[in-house]
Amino acid sequence: MPRDHAATDLALPLQQSPMFAAALARAGAKAQHLTLENGGVILCQCLMVRRWGLSLAPRGPVFRPGLPDVMRLGLLAKLAREGLRLAEPDEAEGLRAAGFSQVLTPGWVAEWDIRPGEAELRARMAQKWRNGLHRAEAAGLQARWHAIGSAARPGRAAGELFAREAAQRKVRRYRALPAGLWRGWPGAEVLELKAEGEVAAQMLFLPHGRVVTYQMAWASEAGRRTNAHRLGLLLAARRFAAGGAERMDLGAIDAAAPGLMRFKLGTGARARQLGGSWLRLPGLGRR
């Protein structure tokens, strides 16, 4: 039977995590987080939010790997009865058979396996990326971690990063979720790197179960010159892997932004295609 979210061993993307559900609730958004299980084994989890008058599952639903097709189809039917209308899963198997029609083609994301030891992580990096990391390590940057603070009162580093990233977003004209969602996120940390006593870069990391998301970042001219973000990613991989994280989600990649794509994939991260957007409405035929 469907029930509200429970603890899970599934590797959930940020948008399907219980932490994201709690952040939405703090922001006053309507969300429903369902768990489908059998005999105490979680088979599927689905966070649904209301958007455009529809129940949308961003990066969901998430199924246990290896489920038979017939079981996946049955789970999708249950979710549809619970109100799921627009699905944006990482994998699209079974959606067409369950009455969903694809309305948007899939995007791509970069996922970094941070389980290997540091020597293996370095070996998997692209040569140019690794050279930039070496320059960052030789630049004498000072690194310090800061807790994000509470929802009502973000920490000093978090507040500065939110303001700097907002200004950066206006200049570069990209879209992002409101920074207020991340306030009070359990275990979230800002990594701050200084060059000659001045803040050169800041990076926000959001842990959620077996995964940690690299959510936002800013760098000064000194930070860009010293490749501070490369050092920051390695430090974060060490820190969160030691805490049990297996994967770092580096976000979307797009050939329209080749520099950012090279930066993310240069870590050794894997490019993975998602499942696209799928709509299911009464009377809408399969296509």
C-alpha atoms as a PDB file:
ATOM      1  CA  MET A   1       0.000   0.000   0.000  1.00  0.00           C
ATOM      2  CA  PRO A   2       1.162   3.553  -0.653  1.00  0.00           C
ATOM      3  CA  ARG A   3       2.275   5.430   2.435  1.00  0.00           C
ATOM      4  CA  ASP A   4       4.155   8.568   3.301  1.00  0.00           C
ATOM      5  CA  HIS A   5       7.916   8.590   2.849  1.00  0.00           C
ATOM      6  CA  ALA A   6       9.982   6.232   4.962  1.00  0.00           C
ATOM      7  CA  ALA A   7      13.711   5.673   5.350  1.00  0.00           C
ATOM      8  CA  THR A   8      15.101   4.047   2.226  1.00  0.00           C
ATOM      9  CA  ASP A   9      18.207   2.400   0.857  1.00  0.00           C
ATOM     10  CA  LEU A  10      17.505   3.707  -2.668  1.00  0.00           C
ATOM     11  CA  ALA A  11      19.979   6.210  -4.124  1.00  0.00           C
ATOM     12  CA  LEU A  12      17.556   9.084  -4.559  1.00  0.00           C
ATOM     13  CA  PRO A  13      18.258  12.213  -6.600  1.00  0.00           C
ATOM     14  CA  LEU A  14      17.926  15.439  -4.641  1.00  0.00           C
ATOM     15  CA  GLN A  15      14.473  16.232  -6.066  1.00  0.00           C
ATOM     16  CA  GLN A  16      13.091  12.912  -4.769  1.00  0.00           C
ATOM     17  CA  SER A  17      14.725  12.995  -1.345  1.00  0.00           C
ATOM     18  CA  PRO A  18      12.868  13.439   1.964  1.00  0.00           C
ATOM     19  CA  MET A  19      15.091  16.466   2.629  1.00  0.00           C
ATOM     20  CA  PHE A  20      13.724  18.133  -0.506  1.00  0.00           C
ATOM     21  CA  ALA A  21      10.174  17.278   0.578  1.00  0.00           C
ATOM     22  CA  ALA A  22      10.847  18.953   3.937  1.00  0.00           C
ATOM     23  CA  ALA A  23      12.357  21.998   2.196  1.00  0.00           C
ATOM     24  CA  LEU A  24       9.260  22.329   0.019  1.00  0.00           C
ATOM     25  CA  ALA A  25       7.041  22.082   3.091  1.00  0.00           C
ATOM     26  CA  ARG A  26       9.011  24.866   4.804  1.00  0.00           C
ATOM     27  CA  ALA A  27       8.486  26.995   1.703  1.00  0.00           C
ATOM     28  CA  GLY A  28       4.727  26.356   1.789  1.00  0.00           C
ATOM     29  CA  ALA A  29       4.642  24.200  -1.355  1.00  0.00           C
ATOM     30  CA  LYS A  30       2.204  21.318  -1.669  1.00  0.00           C
ATOM     31  CA  ALA A  31       4.028  18.007  -1.921  1.00  0.00           C
ATOM     32  CA  GLN A  32       3.256  14.338  -1.376  1.00  0.00           C
ATOM     33  CA  HIS A  33       5.994  11.757  -0.846  1.00  0.00           C
ATOM     34  CA  LEU A  34       4.853   8.158  -1.323  1.00  0.00           C
ATOM     35  CA  THR A  35       6.565   4.857  -0.638  1.00  0.00           C
ATOM     36  CA  LEU A  36       5.439   1.649  -2.346  1.00  0.00           C
ATOM     37  CA  GLU A  37       6.710  -1.526  -0.733  1.00  0.00           C
ATOM     38  CA  ASN A  38       6.166  -5.256  -0.549  1.00  0.00           C
ATOM     39  CA  GLY A  39       7.001  -7.309   2.526  1.00  0.00           C
ATOM     40  CA  GLY A  40       8.962  -4.444   4.045  1.00  0.00           C
ATOM     41  CA  VAL A  41      11.131  -4.008   0.922  1.00  0.00           C
ATOM     42  CA  ILE A  42      10.838  -0.571  -0.662  1.00  0.00           C
ATOM     43  CA  LEU A  43      10.107  -0.959  -4.368  1.00  0.00           C
ATOM     44  CA  CYS A  44       9.439   2.621  -5.381  1.00  0.00           C
ATOM     45  CA  GLN A  45       9.451   6.143  -4.010  1.00  0.00           C
ATOM     46  CA  CYS A  46       7.778   9.149  -5.546  1.00  0.00           C
ATOM     47  CA  LEU A  47       7.740  12.783  -4.457  1.00  0.00           C
ATOM     48  CA  MET A  48       4.931  14.651  -6.224  1.00  0.00           C
ATOM     49  CA  VAL A  49       4.534  18.428  -6.257  1.00  0.00           C
ATOM     50  CA  ARG A  50       1.709  20.509  -7.696  1.00  0.00           C
ATOM     51  CA  ARG A  51       2.674  22.547 -10.762  1.00  0.00           C
ATOM     52  CA  TRP A  52       0.544  23.871 -13.591  1.00  0.00           C
ATOM     53  CA  GLY A  53      -2.427  22.210 -11.928  1.00  0.00           C
ATOM     54  CA  LEU A  54      -0.807  18.775 -12.246  1.00  0.00           C
ATOM     55  CA  SER A  55       0.976  16.395  -9.876  1.00  0.00           C
ATOM     56  CA  LEU A  56       4.576  16.334 -11.086  1.00  0.00           C
ATOM     57  CA  ALA A  57       7.351  13.954  -9.985  1.00  0.00           C
ATOM     58  CA  PRO A  58      10.668  15.781 -10.619  1.00  0.00           C
ATOM     59  CA  ARG A  59      13.381  13.161 -11.295  1.00  0.00           C
ATOM     60  CA  GLY A  60      10.835  10.530 -10.319  1.00  0.00           C
ATOM     61  CA  PRO A  61       9.445   8.083  -9.596  1.00  0.00           C
ATOM     62  CA  VAL A  62      12.492   6.090  -8.437  1.00  0.00           C
ATOM     63  CA  PHE A  63      12.296   2.286  -8.623  1.00  0.00           C
ATOM     64  CA  ARG A  64      14.413  -0.398  -7.025  1.00  0.00           C
ATOM     65  CA  PRO A  65      16.861  -1.629  -9.689  1.00  0.00           C
ATOM     66  CA  GLY A  66      16.096  -4.935 -11.357  1.00  0.00           C
ATOM     67  CA  LEU A  67      12.308  -4.984 -10.900  1.00  0.00           C
ATOM     68  CA  PRO A  68      10.420  -7.130 -13.445  1.00  0.00           C
ATOM     69  CA  ASP A  69       8.534  -5.165 -16.081  1.00  0.00           C
ATOM     70  CA  VAL A  70       5.170  -6.381 -14.850  1.00  0.00           C
ATOM     71  CA  MET A  71       5.913  -5.186 -11.310  1.00  0.00           C
ATOM     72  CA  ARG A  72       7.085  -1.780 -12.528  1.00  0.00           C
ATOM     73  CA  LEU A  73       3.900  -1.453 -14.579  1.00  0.00           C
ATOM     74  CA  GLY A  74       1.781  -2.254 -11.537  1.00  0.00           C
ATOM     75  CA  LEU A  75       3.624   0.326  -9.435  1.00  0.00           C
ATOM     76  CA  LEU A  76       3.100   2.981 -12.102  1.00  0.00           C
ATOM     77  CA  ALA A  77      -0.611   2.161 -12.145  1.00  0.00           C
ATOM     78  CA  LYS A  78      -0.746   2.658  -8.355  1.00  0.00           C
ATOM     79  CA  LEU A  79       1.034   5.996  -8.639  1.00  0.00           C
ATOM     80  CA  ALA A  80      -1.386   7.094 -11.357  1.00  0.00           C
ATOM     81  CA  ARG A  81      -4.296   6.259  -9.038  1.00  0.00           C
ATOM     82  CA  GLU A  82      -2.585   8.400  -6.371  1.00  0.00           C
ATOM     83  CA  GLY A  83      -2.635  11.309  -8.805  1.00  0.00           C
ATOM     84  CA  LEU A  84       0.682  11.191 -10.702  1.00  0.00           C
ATOM     85  CA  ARG A  85       0.219  12.966 -14.032  1.00  0.00           C
ATOM     86  CA  LEU A  86       3.661  14.235 -15.097  1.00  0.00           C
ATOM     87  CA  ALA A  87       6.679  11.995 -14.531  1.00  0.00           C
ATOM     88  CA  GLU A  88      10.308  12.987 -15.073  1.00  0.00           C
ATOM     89  CA  PRO A  89      12.149   9.790 -14.117  1.00  0.00           C
ATOM     90  CA  ASP A  90      15.776   8.905 -14.554  1.00  0.00           C
ATOM     91  CA  GLU A  91      14.639   5.876 -16.570  1.00  0.00           C
ATOM     92  CA  ALA A  92      11.538   5.730 -18.783  1.00  0.00           C
ATOM     93  CA  GLU A  93      10.911   1.963 -18.830  1.00  0.00           C
ATOM     94  CA  GLY A  94       7.233   1.078 -18.540  1.00  0.00           C
ATOM     95  CA  LEU A  95       5.831   4.586 -18.838  1.00  0.00           C
ATOM     96  CA  ARG A  96       4.414   4.191 -22.336  1.00  0.00           C
ATOM     97  CA  ALA A  97       2.793   0.886 -21.426  1.00  0.00           C
ATOM     98  CA  ALA A  98       1.288   2.559 -18.346  1.00  0.00           C
ATOM     99  CA  GLY A  99      -0.456   5.165 -20.483  1.00  0.00           C
ATOM    100  CA  PHE A 100       2.071   8.004 -20.347  1.00  0.00           C
ATOM    101  CA  SER A 101       3.071   9.975 -23.467  1.00  0.00           C
ATOM    102  CA  GLN A 102       6.463  11.603 -23.829  1.00  0.00           C
ATOM    103  CA  VAL A 103       6.222  15.404 -24.010  1.00  0.00           C
ATOM    104  CA  LEU A 104       9.889  16.434 -23.562  1.00  0.00           C
ATOM    105  CA  THR A 105      13.068  14.682 -24.658  1.00  0.00           C
ATOM    106  CA  PRO A 106      15.631  13.590 -22.044  1.00  0.00           C
ATOM    107  CA  GLY A 107      18.372  15.763 -20.631  1.00  0.00           C
ATOM    108  CA  TRP A 108      21.761  14.646 -19.317  1.00  0.00           C
ATOM    109  CA  VAL A 109      23.423  14.824 -15.904  1.00  0.00           C
ATOM    110  CA  ALA A 110      26.932  14.233 -14.558  1.00  0.00           C
ATOM    111  CA  GLU A 111      27.252  11.679 -11.739  1.00  0.00           C
ATOM    112  CA  TRP A 112      30.576  11.189  -9.957  1.00  0.00           C
ATOM    113  CA  ASP A 113      31.314   7.914  -8.182  1.00  0.00           C
ATOM    114  CA  ILE A 114      33.236   9.030  -5.073  1.00  0.00           C
ATOM    115  CA  ARG A 115      33.644   5.592  -3.501  1.00  0.00           C
ATOM    116  CA  PRO A 116      37.163   4.864  -4.827  1.00  0.00           C
ATOM    117  CA  GLY A 117      40.194   5.953  -2.850  1.00  0.00           C
ATOM    118  CA  GLU A 118      41.860   9.231  -3.720  1.00  0.00           C
ATOM    119  CA  ALA A 119      44.527   7.680  -5.931  1.00  0.00           C
ATOM    120  CA  GLU A 120      41.843   6.072  -8.086  1.00  0.00           C
ATOM    121  CA  LEU A 121      39.778   9.274  -8.167  1.00  0.00           C
ATOM    122  CA  ARG A 122      42.795  11.189  -9.431  1.00  0.00           C
ATOM    123  CA  ALA A 123      43.585   8.528 -12.021  1.00  0.00           C
ATOM    124  CA  ARG A 124      40.061   8.812 -13.450  1.00  0.00           C
ATOM    125  CA  MET A 125      40.295  12.592 -13.910  1.00  0.00           C
ATOM    126  CA  ALA A 126      40.964  14.064 -17.345  1.00  0.00           C
ATOM    127  CA  GLN A 127      44.605  15.092 -17.704  1.00  0.00           C
ATOM    128  CA  LYS A 128      43.850  18.816 -18.088  1.00  0.00           C
ATOM    129  CA  TRP A 129      41.485  18.693 -15.108  1.00  0.00           C
ATOM    130  CA  ARG A 130      44.130  16.969 -12.992  1.00  0.00           C
ATOM    131  CA  ASN A 131      46.726  19.565 -14.050  1.00  0.00           C
ATOM    132  CA  GLY A 132      44.372  22.321 -12.908  1.00  0.00           C
ATOM    133  CA  LEU A 133      43.915  20.518  -9.598  1.00  0.00           C
ATOM    134  CA  HIS A 134      47.680  20.399  -9.121  1.00  0.00           C
ATOM    135  CA  ARG A 135      47.862  24.173  -9.669  1.00  0.00           C
ATOM    136  CA  ALA A 136      45.096  24.687  -7.098  1.00  0.00           C
ATOM    137  CA  GLU A 137      46.938  22.526  -4.568  1.00  0.00           C
ATOM    138  CA  ALA A 138      50.116  24.542  -5.131  1.00  0.00           C
ATOM    139  CA  ALA A 139      48.343  27.895  -4.759  1.00  0.00           C
ATOM    140  CA  GLY A 140      48.258  27.822  -0.956  1.00  0.00           C
ATOM    141  CA  LEU A 141      44.483  28.075  -0.684  1.00  0.00           C
ATOM    142  CA  GLN A 142      43.042  27.784   2.816  1.00  0.00           C
ATOM    143  CA  ALA A 143      39.888  25.656   3.054  1.00  0.00           C
ATOM    144  CA  ARG A 144      37.250  25.786   5.779  1.00  0.00           C
ATOM    145  CA  TRP A 145      33.879  24.100   6.121  1.00  0.00           C
ATOM    146  CA  HIS A 146      30.823  25.961   7.459  1.00  0.00           C
ATOM    147  CA  ALA A 147      27.444  24.564   8.520  1.00  0.00           C
ATOM    148  CA  ILE A 148      24.594  26.091   6.528  1.00  0.00           C
ATOM    149  CA  GLY A 149      22.755  27.265   9.640  1.00  0.00           C
ATOM    150  CA  SER A 150      19.055  27.131  10.438  1.00  0.00           C
ATOM    151  CA  ALA A 151      16.138  27.894   8.141  1.00  0.00           C
ATOM    152  CA  ALA A 152      15.495  31.109  10.064  1.00  0.00           C
ATOM    153  CA  ARG A 153      19.129  32.160  10.315  1.00  0.00           C
ATOM    154  CA  PRO A 154      21.611  30.919   7.700  1.00  0.00           C
ATOM    155  CA  GLY A 155      25.264  30.931   8.632  1.00  0.00           C
ATOM    156  CA  ARG A 156      27.549  33.757   7.546  1.00  0.00           C
ATOM    157  CA  ALA A 157      29.171  31.789   4.713  1.00  0.00           C
ATOM    158  CA  ALA A 158      25.827  30.521   3.414  1.00  0.00           C
ATOM    159  CA  GLY A 159      24.300  33.989   3.435  1.00  0.00           C
ATOM    160  CA  GLU A 160      27.257  35.384   1.512  1.00  0.00           C
ATOM    161  CA  LEU A 161      27.160  32.557  -1.026  1.00  0.00           C
ATOM    162  CA  PHE A 162      23.421  32.952  -1.605  1.00  0.00           C
ATOM    163  CA  ALA A 163      23.859  36.678  -2.287  1.00  0.00           C
ATOM    164  CA  ARG A 164      26.878  36.181  -4.541  1.00  0.00           C
ATOM    165  CA  GLU A 165      25.232  33.384  -6.512  1.00  0.00           C
ATOM    166  CA  ALA A 166      22.064  35.458  -7.013  1.00  0.00           C
ATOM    167  CA  ALA A 167      24.132  38.310  -8.476  1.00  0.00           C
ATOM    168  CA  GLN A 168      26.071  35.835 -10.618  1.00  0.00           C
ATOM    169  CA  ARG A 169      22.815  34.333 -11.907  1.00  0.00           C
ATOM    170  CA  LYS A 170      21.557  37.728 -13.065  1.00  0.00           C
ATOM    171  CA  VAL A 171      24.752  38.397 -14.986  1.00  0.00           C
ATOM    172  CA  ARG A 172      24.979  34.934 -16.585  1.00  0.00           C
ATOM    173  CA  ARG A 173      21.201  34.610 -17.064  1.00  0.00           C
ATOM    174  CA  TYR A 174      20.697  31.064 -15.889  1.00  0.00           C
ATOM    175  CA  ARG A 175      17.837  29.656 -13.837  1.00  0.00           C
ATOM    176  CA  ALA A 176      18.049  27.908 -10.478  1.00  0.00           C
ATOM    177  CA  LEU A 177      15.801  26.885  -7.622  1.00  0.00           C
ATOM    178  CA  PRO A 178      15.426  29.531  -4.880  1.00  0.00           C
ATOM    179  CA  ALA A 179      18.350  29.522  -2.466  1.00  0.00           C
ATOM    180  CA  GLY A 180      15.868  29.712   0.406  1.00  0.00           C
ATOM    181  CA  LEU A 181      15.037  26.049  -0.141  1.00  0.00           C
ATOM    182  CA  TRP A 182      18.475  25.026   1.092  1.00  0.00           C
ATOM    183  CA  ARG A 183      18.282  26.889   4.411  1.00  0.00           C
ATOM    184  CA  GLY A 184      18.161  24.431   7.274  1.00  0.00           C
ATOM    185  CA  TRP A 185      18.992  21.426   5.047  1.00  0.00           C
ATOM    186  CA  PRO A 186      20.296  18.684   7.395  1.00  0.00           C
ATOM    187  CA  GLY A 187      24.040  18.205   7.043  1.00  0.00           C
ATOM    188  CA  ALA A 188      24.439  20.856   4.321  1.00  0.00           C
ATOM    189  CA  GLU A 189      27.819  22.591   4.300  1.00  0.00           C
ATOM    190  CA  VAL A 190      29.510  25.476   2.550  1.00  0.00           C
ATOM    191  CA  LEU A 191      33.160  25.019   1.646  1.00  0.00           C
ATOM    192  CA  GLU A 192      35.036  28.297   1.653  1.00  0.00           C
ATOM    193  CA  LEU A 193      38.467  28.688   0.066  1.00  0.00           C
ATOM    194  CA  LYS A 194      40.619  31.733   0.730  1.00  0.00           C
ATOM    195  CA  ALA A 195      43.583  33.110  -1.203  1.00  0.00           C
ATOM    196  CA  GLU A 196      45.865  35.446   0.735  1.00  0.00           C
ATOM    197  CA  GLY A 197      43.223  35.901   3.409  1.00  0.00           C
ATOM    198  CA  GLU A 198      40.403  36.848   1.009  1.00  0.00           C
ATOM    199  CA  VAL A 199      37.454  34.627   0.090  1.00  0.00           C
ATOM    200  CA  ALA A 200      38.204  33.235  -3.380  1.00  0.00           C
ATOM    201  CA  ALA A 201      35.475  30.604  -3.739  1.00  0.00           C
ATOM    202  CA  GLN A 202      32.444  29.160  -1.990  1.00  0.00           C
ATOM    203  CA  MET A 203      30.603  25.905  -2.771  1.00  0.00           C
ATOM    204  CA  LEU A 204      27.387  24.446  -1.349  1.00  0.00           C
ATOM    205  CA  PHE A 205      26.943  20.686  -0.883  1.00  0.00           C
ATOM    206  CA  LEU A 206      23.632  19.037   0.063  1.00  0.00           C
ATOM    207  CA  PRO A 207      23.778  15.440   1.377  1.00  0.00           C
ATOM    208  CA  HIS A 208      20.760  13.184   0.925  1.00  0.00           C
ATOM    209  CA  GLY A 209      21.246   9.574   1.904  1.00  0.00           C
ATOM    210  CA  ARG A 210      23.779   7.787  -0.293  1.00  0.00           C
ATOM    211  CA  VAL A 211      24.158  10.829  -2.551  1.00  0.00           C
ATOM    212  CA  VAL A 212      25.486  14.376  -2.128  1.00  0.00           C
ATOM    213  CA  THR A 213      24.604  17.163  -4.558  1.00  0.00           C
ATOM    214  CA  TYR A 214      26.977  19.944  -5.612  1.00  0.00           C
ATOM    215  CA  GLN A 215      24.280  22.605  -5.632  1.00  0.00           C
ATOM    216  CA  MET A 216      25.860  26.014  -6.196  1.00  0.00           C
ATOM    217  CA  ALA A 217      29.176  27.801  -6.308  1.00  0.00           C
ATOM    218  CA  TRP A 218      30.839  31.176  -6.725  1.00  0.00           C
ATOM    219  CA  ALA A 219      34.421  32.221  -7.390  1.00  0.00           C
ATOM    220  CA  SER A 220      36.286  35.518  -7.515  1.00  0.00           C
ATOM    221  CA  GLU A 221      38.875  36.268 -10.160  1.00  0.00           C
ATOM    222  CA  ALA A 222      41.496  34.827  -7.796  1.00  0.00           C
ATOM    223  CA  GLY A 223      39.376  31.723  -7.336  1.00  0.00           C
ATOM    224  CA  ARG A 224      39.080  31.178 -11.066  1.00  0.00           C
ATOM    225  CA  ARG A 225      42.782  31.834 -11.605  1.00  0.00           C
ATOM    226  CA  THR A 226      43.796  29.286  -8.974  1.00  0.00           C
ATOM    227  CA  ASN A 227      41.226  26.625 -10.038  1.00  0.00           C
ATOM    228  CA  ALA A 228      39.740  26.743  -6.546  1.00  0.00           C
ATOM    229  CA  HIS A 229      36.613  24.820  -7.483  1.00  0.00           C
ATOM    230  CA  ARG A 230      38.657  21.811  -8.588  1.00  0.00           C
ATOM    231  CA  LEU A 231      40.316  21.601  -5.213  1.00  0.00           C
ATOM    232  CA  GLY A 232      36.925  22.127  -3.561  1.00  0.00           C
ATOM    233  CA  LEU A 233      35.367  19.192  -5.380  1.00  0.00           C
ATOM    234  CA  LEU A 234      38.176  16.853  -4.354  1.00  0.00           C
ATOM    235  CA  LEU A 235      37.944  17.992  -0.727  1.00  0.00           C
ATOM    236  CA  ALA A 236      34.169  17.470  -0.809  1.00  0.00           C
ATOM    237  CA  ALA A 237      34.547  14.002  -2.348  1.00  0.00           C
ATOM    238  CA  ARG A 238      36.883  13.032   0.513  1.00  0.00           C
ATOM    239  CA  ARG A 239      34.617  14.488   3.193  1.00  0.00           C
ATOM    240  CA  PHE A 240      31.277  13.101   2.070  1.00  0.00           C
ATOM    241  CA  ALA A 241      32.619   9.696   1.019  1.00  0.00           C
ATOM    242  CA  ALA A 242      34.027   9.351   4.555  1.00  0.00           C
ATOM    243  CA  GLY A 243      30.491  10.019   5.791  1.00  0.00           C
ATOM    244  CA  GLY A 244      28.996   7.257   3.651  1.00  0.00           C
ATOM    245  CA  ALA A 245      28.080   9.002   0.396  1.00  0.00           C
ATOM    246  CA  GLU A 246      28.642   6.947  -2.738  1.00  0.00           C
ATOM    247  CA  ARG A 247      27.882   9.449  -5.486  1.00  0.00           C
ATOM    248  CA  MET A 248      28.153  13.174  -6.050  1.00  0.00           C
ATOM    249  CA  ASP A 249      25.554  14.673  -8.384  1.00  0.00           C
ATOM    250  CA  LEU A 250      27.188  17.485 -10.338  1.00  0.00           C
ATOM    251  CA  GLY A 251      24.021  18.620 -12.116  1.00  0.00           C
ATOM    252  CA  ALA A 252      22.883  19.019 -15.688  1.00  0.00           C
ATOM    253  CA  ILE A 253      25.247  19.003 -18.637  1.00  0.00           C
ATOM    254  CA  ASP A 254      24.481  20.459 -22.044  1.00  0.00           C
ATOM    255  CA  ALA A 255      26.472  20.770 -25.245  1.00  0.00           C
ATOM    256  CA  ALA A 256      25.278  24.396 -25.369  1.00  0.00           C
ATOM    257  CA  ALA A 257      27.563  25.053 -22.350  1.00  0.00           C
ATOM    258  CA  PRO A 258      30.683  23.081 -23.342  1.00  0.00           C
ATOM    259  CA  GLY A 259      32.999  24.655 -20.779  1.00  0.00           C
ATOM    260  CA  LEU A 260      30.785  23.702 -17.848  1.00  0.00           C
ATOM    261  CA  MET A 261      30.264  20.237 -19.308  1.00  0.00           C
ATOM    262  CA  ARG A 262      34.028  19.680 -19.610  1.00  0.00           C
ATOM    263  CA  PHE A 263      34.526  20.889 -16.039  1.00  0.00           C
ATOM    264  CA  LYS A 264      31.994  18.427 -14.634  1.00  0.00           C
ATOM    265  CA  LEU A 265      33.027  15.440 -16.728  1.00  0.00           C
ATOM    266  CA  GLY A 266      36.719  16.192 -16.201  1.00  0.00           C
ATOM    267  CA  THR A 267      36.354  14.903 -12.636  1.00  0.00           C
ATOM    268  CA  GLY A 268      35.810  11.425 -14.067  1.00  0.00           C
ATOM    269  CA  ALA A 269      32.053  11.717 -13.637  1.00  0.00           C
ATOM    270  CA  ARG A 270      29.755   9.698 -15.864  1.00  0.00           C
ATOM    271  CA  ALA A 271      27.354  11.397 -18.279  1.00  0.00           C
ATOM    272  CA  ARG A 272      23.936   9.795 -17.904  1.00  0.00           C
ATOM    273  CA  GLN A 273      20.844  10.381 -19.973  1.00  0.00           C
ATOM    274  CA  LEU A 274      17.607  10.830 -18.023  1.00  0.00           C
ATOM    275  CA  GLY A 275      14.163   9.611 -19.011  1.00  0.00           C
ATOM    276  CA  GLY A 276      12.484  12.763 -20.303  1.00  0.00           C
ATOM    277  CA  SER A 277       9.073  14.143 -19.313  1.00  0.00           C
ATOM    278  CA  TRP A 278       5.974  11.949 -19.592  1.00  0.00           C
ATOM    279  CA  LEU A 279       2.338  13.042 -19.306  1.00  0.00           C
ATOM    280  CA  ARG A 280      -0.658  10.908 -18.426  1.00  0.00           C
ATOM    281  CA  LEU A 281      -4.122  12.392 -18.701  1.00  0.00           C
ATOM    282  CA  PRO A 282      -7.517  10.701 -18.997  1.00  0.00           C
ATOM    283  CA  GLY A 283      -8.311  10.256 -22.661  1.00  0.00           C
ATOM    284  CA  LEU A 284      -4.764  10.959 -23.837  1.00  0.00           C
ATOM    285  CA  GLY A 285      -3.683   8.186 -26.179  1.00  0.00           C
ATOM    286  CA  ARG A 286      -0.323   6.455 -26.050  1.00  0.00           C
ATOM    287  CA  ARG A 287       2.300   7.673 -28.502  1.00  0.00           C
END
